[in-house]
Amino acid sequence: MLTGWEPFPNGGSLTEVDIKVQLKASIKPPFDDGDSLSYFLSGKQQYDDLRRETHASPLILAVLFLPPKAEDWLTHSHEQLVLRKCAYWVSLRGAPPTDNHAGVTVKIPKNQVFDGTGLMKLMASISRREIPAYKAPTHRVSHGD
């Protein structure tokens, strides 16, 4: 769980917000449709837990897409800690049910970067009582231009 305290940029009435995070990592390159990245979330139960609307604190899925070789993931020294690639988040709150017990392919918007700036925006919206919810991905139509 992550907790943030005011002041939030463009924040609302809440002075403290909590976000529960299910963090995953993958070395498999995601399919990129231009707007979102695809991630296979194993297990129906895990998907159902993330899409429930009964949590007191918002629950998000954050996926860190790592380079294929473990030695490229992380470097550190006394001056810096560098984690390569990027993490993105999605809320599955209110997402449609599935009958697939193996799991579900989740589309994660590329504009929802899981970093300091992204977390601050997310916490500010929660402080305004705007609970993140699932948004069905829009499908782009190619016009062959």
C-alpha atoms as a PDB file:
ATOM      1  CA  MET A   1       0.000   0.000   0.000  1.00  0.00           C
ATOM      2  CA  LEU A   2       1.180   3.518  -0.799  1.00  0.00           C
ATOM      3  CA  THR A   3       0.055   6.497   1.242  1.00  0.00           C
ATOM      4  CA  GLY A   4       0.235  10.128   0.174  1.00  0.00           C
ATOM      5  CA  TRP A   5      -0.379  13.273   2.204  1.00  0.00           C
ATOM      6  CA  GLU A   6      -1.369  16.740   1.098  1.00  0.00           C
ATOM      7  CA  PRO A   7      -0.638  19.059  -0.556  1.00  0.00           C
ATOM      8  CA  PHE A   8      -1.710  17.401  -3.799  1.00  0.00           C
ATOM      9  CA  PRO A   9      -1.593  19.380  -7.051  1.00  0.00           C
ATOM     10  CA  ASN A  10      -5.216  20.354  -7.816  1.00  0.00           C
ATOM     11  CA  GLY A  11      -6.173  18.230  -4.836  1.00  0.00           C
ATOM     12  CA  GLY A  12      -9.529  17.884  -3.231  1.00  0.00           C
ATOM     13  CA  SER A  13     -10.901  17.545   0.260  1.00  0.00           C
ATOM     14  CA  LEU A  14      -8.994  14.433   1.344  1.00  0.00           C
ATOM     15  CA  THR A  15      -5.667  15.187   3.030  1.00  0.00           C
ATOM     16  CA  GLU A  16      -4.396  11.590   3.047  1.00  0.00           C
ATOM     17  CA  VAL A  17      -4.980   8.890   0.439  1.00  0.00           C
ATOM     18  CA  ASP A  18      -4.054   5.211   0.218  1.00  0.00           C
ATOM     19  CA  ILE A  19      -3.544   3.187  -2.940  1.00  0.00           C
ATOM     20  CA  LYS A  20      -3.168  -0.585  -2.925  1.00  0.00           C
ATOM     21  CA  VAL A  21      -0.794  -1.778  -5.646  1.00  0.00           C
ATOM     22  CA  GLN A  22      -0.478  -5.253  -7.145  1.00  0.00           C
ATOM     23  CA  LEU A  23       3.000  -5.073  -8.678  1.00  0.00           C
ATOM     24  CA  LYS A  24       4.068  -7.423 -11.461  1.00  0.00           C
ATOM     25  CA  ALA A  25       7.192  -7.588 -13.611  1.00  0.00           C
ATOM     26  CA  SER A  26       7.736  -9.126 -17.023  1.00  0.00           C
ATOM     27  CA  ILE A  27      10.663  -9.673 -19.366  1.00  0.00           C
ATOM     28  CA  LYS A  28       8.315 -10.560 -22.213  1.00  0.00           C
ATOM     29  CA  PRO A  29       8.034  -7.591 -24.595  1.00  0.00           C
ATOM     30  CA  PRO A  30       4.410  -6.414 -24.503  1.00  0.00           C
ATOM     31  CA  PHE A  31       2.264  -5.988 -27.597  1.00  0.00           C
ATOM     32  CA  ASP A  32       2.049  -2.243 -28.219  1.00  0.00           C
ATOM     33  CA  ASP A  33      -1.029  -1.035 -30.124  1.00  0.00           C
ATOM     34  CA  GLY A  34       0.117   2.583 -29.950  1.00  0.00           C
ATOM     35  CA  ASP A  35      -2.097   3.563 -27.003  1.00  0.00           C
ATOM     36  CA  SER A  36      -1.700   0.607 -24.666  1.00  0.00           C
ATOM     37  CA  LEU A  37       0.501  -2.347 -23.773  1.00  0.00           C
ATOM     38  CA  SER A  38      -0.838  -5.877 -23.348  1.00  0.00           C
ATOM     39  CA  TYR A  39      -0.036  -7.947 -20.275  1.00  0.00           C
ATOM     40  CA  PHE A  40      -1.313 -11.463 -19.526  1.00  0.00           C
ATOM     41  CA  LEU A  41      -2.508 -11.573 -15.924  1.00  0.00           C
ATOM     42  CA  SER A  42      -2.411 -15.215 -14.813  1.00  0.00           C
ATOM     43  CA  GLY A  43      -5.340 -16.610 -12.903  1.00  0.00           C
ATOM     44  CA  LYS A  44      -9.026 -15.705 -12.904  1.00  0.00           C
ATOM     45  CA  GLN A  45      -9.067 -15.182  -9.112  1.00  0.00           C
ATOM     46  CA  GLN A  46      -6.338 -12.556  -9.298  1.00  0.00           C
ATOM     47  CA  TYR A  47      -8.235 -10.725 -12.057  1.00  0.00           C
ATOM     48  CA  ASP A  48     -11.492 -10.926 -10.086  1.00  0.00           C
ATOM     49  CA  ASP A  49      -9.779  -9.525  -6.970  1.00  0.00           C
ATOM     50  CA  LEU A  50      -8.449  -6.555  -8.963  1.00  0.00           C
ATOM     51  CA  ARG A  51     -11.792  -5.763 -10.609  1.00  0.00           C
ATOM     52  CA  ARG A  52     -13.910  -5.839  -7.433  1.00  0.00           C
ATOM     53  CA  GLU A  53     -15.587  -2.594  -6.439  1.00  0.00           C
ATOM     54  CA  THR A  54     -15.726  -3.390  -2.720  1.00  0.00           C
ATOM     55  CA  HIS A  55     -12.218  -2.281  -1.678  1.00  0.00           C
ATOM     56  CA  ALA A  56     -12.046   0.669   0.727  1.00  0.00           C
ATOM     57  CA  SER A  57      -8.816   1.876  -0.912  1.00  0.00           C
ATOM     58  CA  PRO A  58      -8.363   2.020  -4.691  1.00  0.00           C
ATOM     59  CA  LEU A  59      -6.501  -1.010  -6.043  1.00  0.00           C
ATOM     60  CA  ILE A  60      -4.335  -0.789  -9.160  1.00  0.00           C
ATOM     61  CA  LEU A  61      -2.210  -3.189 -11.168  1.00  0.00           C
ATOM     62  CA  ALA A  62       1.286  -1.896 -11.944  1.00  0.00           C
ATOM     63  CA  VAL A  63       3.453  -3.789 -14.425  1.00  0.00           C
ATOM     64  CA  LEU A  64       7.176  -3.231 -14.800  1.00  0.00           C
ATOM     65  CA  PHE A  65       8.416  -4.251 -18.237  1.00  0.00           C
ATOM     66  CA  LEU A  66      12.071  -5.250 -17.805  1.00  0.00           C
ATOM     67  CA  PRO A  67      14.866  -5.904 -20.327  1.00  0.00           C
ATOM     68  CA  PRO A  68      15.209  -9.617 -21.224  1.00  0.00           C
ATOM     69  CA  LYS A  69      18.585 -10.092 -19.473  1.00  0.00           C
ATOM     70  CA  ALA A  70      18.611  -9.884 -15.663  1.00  0.00           C
ATOM     71  CA  GLU A  71      22.013  -8.182 -15.646  1.00  0.00           C
ATOM     72  CA  ASP A  72      20.426  -5.248 -17.534  1.00  0.00           C
ATOM     73  CA  TRP A  73      17.606  -4.672 -15.031  1.00  0.00           C
ATOM     74  CA  LEU A  74      19.365  -2.692 -12.349  1.00  0.00           C
ATOM     75  CA  THR A  75      22.599  -0.837 -11.721  1.00  0.00           C
ATOM     76  CA  HIS A  76      23.544   0.946  -8.549  1.00  0.00           C
ATOM     77  CA  SER A  77      26.329   2.890  -6.938  1.00  0.00           C
ATOM     78  CA  HIS A  78      26.669   5.303  -4.022  1.00  0.00           C
ATOM     79  CA  GLU A  79      25.417   8.074  -6.318  1.00  0.00           C
ATOM     80  CA  GLN A  80      22.522   6.424  -8.143  1.00  0.00           C
ATOM     81  CA  LEU A  81      20.079   3.573  -8.465  1.00  0.00           C
ATOM     82  CA  VAL A  82      18.944   2.921 -12.042  1.00  0.00           C
ATOM     83  CA  LEU A  83      16.081   0.589 -12.920  1.00  0.00           C
ATOM     84  CA  ARG A  84      15.759   0.073 -16.666  1.00  0.00           C
ATOM     85  CA  LYS A  85      12.571   0.185 -18.721  1.00  0.00           C
ATOM     86  CA  CYS A  86       9.238   1.460 -17.450  1.00  0.00           C
ATOM     87  CA  ALA A  87       6.241   0.567 -15.304  1.00  0.00           C
ATOM     88  CA  TYR A  88       2.622   1.404 -16.143  1.00  0.00           C
ATOM     89  CA  TRP A  89      -0.569   1.113 -14.108  1.00  0.00           C
ATOM     90  CA  VAL A  90      -4.210   0.316 -14.749  1.00  0.00           C
ATOM     91  CA  SER A  91      -7.323   0.117 -12.608  1.00  0.00           C
ATOM     92  CA  LEU A  92      -9.447  -2.956 -13.275  1.00  0.00           C
ATOM     93  CA  ARG A  93     -12.207  -1.776 -10.907  1.00  0.00           C
ATOM     94  CA  GLY A  94     -15.487  -2.552 -12.678  1.00  0.00           C
ATOM     95  CA  ALA A  95     -13.848  -4.483 -15.542  1.00  0.00           C
ATOM     96  CA  PRO A  96     -16.020  -7.152 -17.177  1.00  0.00           C
ATOM     97  CA  PRO A  97     -15.994 -10.695 -15.768  1.00  0.00           C
ATOM     98  CA  THR A  98     -14.233 -13.546 -17.526  1.00  0.00           C
ATOM     99  CA  ASP A  99     -14.776 -17.286 -17.751  1.00  0.00           C
ATOM    100  CA  ASN A 100     -11.133 -17.925 -18.657  1.00  0.00           C
ATOM    101  CA  HIS A 101      -9.590 -19.580 -15.595  1.00  0.00           C
ATOM    102  CA  ALA A 102      -6.067 -19.337 -17.047  1.00  0.00           C
ATOM    103  CA  GLY A 103      -6.126 -15.544 -16.898  1.00  0.00           C
ATOM    104  CA  VAL A 104      -6.862 -12.389 -18.858  1.00  0.00           C
ATOM    105  CA  THR A 105      -4.919 -10.185 -21.250  1.00  0.00           C
ATOM    106  CA  VAL A 106      -5.072  -6.694 -19.782  1.00  0.00           C
ATOM    107  CA  LYS A 107      -4.491  -3.533 -21.804  1.00  0.00           C
ATOM    108  CA  ILE A 108      -2.517  -0.936 -19.862  1.00  0.00           C
ATOM    109  CA  PRO A 109      -2.679   2.664 -21.133  1.00  0.00           C
ATOM    110  CA  LYS A 110       0.777   3.976 -22.029  1.00  0.00           C
ATOM    111  CA  ASN A 111      -0.120   7.390 -20.620  1.00  0.00           C
ATOM    112  CA  GLN A 112      -0.473   5.872 -17.113  1.00  0.00           C
ATOM    113  CA  VAL A 113       3.200   5.712 -16.181  1.00  0.00           C
ATOM    114  CA  PHE A 114       3.902   4.377 -12.697  1.00  0.00           C
ATOM    115  CA  ASP A 115       6.424   6.986 -11.583  1.00  0.00           C
ATOM    116  CA  GLY A 116       6.528   9.901  -9.137  1.00  0.00           C
ATOM    117  CA  THR A 117       4.594  12.251 -11.409  1.00  0.00           C
ATOM    118  CA  GLY A 118       2.006   9.616 -12.293  1.00  0.00           C
ATOM    119  CA  LEU A 119       1.502   8.671  -8.647  1.00  0.00           C
ATOM    120  CA  MET A 120       1.079  12.321  -7.652  1.00  0.00           C
ATOM    121  CA  LYS A 121      -1.626  12.788 -10.331  1.00  0.00           C
ATOM    122  CA  LEU A 122      -3.356   9.589  -9.227  1.00  0.00           C
ATOM    123  CA  MET A 123      -3.279  10.591  -5.551  1.00  0.00           C
ATOM    124  CA  ALA A 124      -4.560  14.081  -6.399  1.00  0.00           C
ATOM    125  CA  SER A 125      -7.532  12.588  -8.266  1.00  0.00           C
ATOM    126  CA  ILE A 126      -8.276  10.249  -5.353  1.00  0.00           C
ATOM    127  CA  SER A 127      -8.114  13.236  -2.970  1.00  0.00           C
ATOM    128  CA  ARG A 128     -10.917  14.713  -5.120  1.00  0.00           C
ATOM    129  CA  ARG A 129     -12.801  11.433  -4.541  1.00  0.00           C
ATOM    130  CA  GLU A 130     -12.299  10.398  -8.175  1.00  0.00           C
ATOM    131  CA  ILE A 131     -11.740   6.668  -7.781  1.00  0.00           C
ATOM    132  CA  PRO A 132      -9.853   5.160 -10.740  1.00  0.00           C
ATOM    133  CA  ALA A 133     -12.016   2.686 -12.624  1.00  0.00           C
ATOM    134  CA  TYR A 134     -11.631   0.446 -15.633  1.00  0.00           C
ATOM    135  CA  LYS A 135     -11.953   2.105 -19.016  1.00  0.00           C
ATOM    136  CA  ALA A 136     -12.499  -0.227 -21.943  1.00  0.00           C
ATOM    137  CA  PRO A 137      -9.737   0.288 -24.506  1.00  0.00           C
ATOM    138  CA  THR A 138     -10.725   2.090 -27.668  1.00  0.00           C
ATOM    139  CA  HIS A 139      -9.859   0.380 -30.897  1.00  0.00           C
ATOM    140  CA  ARG A 140      -8.117   2.403 -33.527  1.00  0.00           C
ATOM    141  CA  VAL A 141      -9.311   2.074 -37.092  1.00  0.00           C
ATOM    142  CA  SER A 142      -6.665   2.030 -39.780  1.00  0.00           C
ATOM    143  CA  HIS A 143      -7.637   3.971 -42.869  1.00  0.00           C
ATOM    144  CA  GLY A 144      -4.673   2.758 -44.899  1.00  0.00           C
ATOM    145  CA  ASP A 145      -3.302   6.294 -45.327  1.00  0.00           C
END
